Amino acid sequence: MSSDDPILEVLEDLLKLDDIYACMVARKNMVSVIPDTSKFNPKIMDVWDIVSLAMKSVFAVIEEYASVGLDVMEFRLKDHSVLFFIIPETDNALVAIIPSLANKGLIEVEMENARRRIVEILKREETVRA
């Protein structure tokens, strides 16, 4: 890993899992942190543009319902599922594209662990700025 960005390191760790084809931290209309896309599984290329467009709609729902406890969202597109793990007190989500038939239980545990690591990183950064 050649990055000094600890959130990028979390994402790169997720990409090491066979069933996580792509991942990023994103918010409405933009990507906040994304690993080198050459590390993404080529199987997602047929849905990448559609996912990018669909994320705009998903983030409208996240903005509307995160304040009342929306924590995780998922939608299926062709043979893929897109998971959104909302990062508390932000307008960001940890997003992963996985195969629809993947073992979601294991992936959800890994995503939750990654989300927790990202929350801790954000808290440390906030403390440093304060």
Foldseek 3Di string as FASTA:
>chain_A
DPDPDVLLVLQVVLLVDPFFQFKFKCAAPGTDGGHDNVSGHPVCPVCVVVVNVVVNVVLVVCVVCVVVPDAKDWDDDDQWIWIWGDQPPDRITIITIGGPPDPVVVSVVSRVVSSVVVNVVVVVVVVVVD
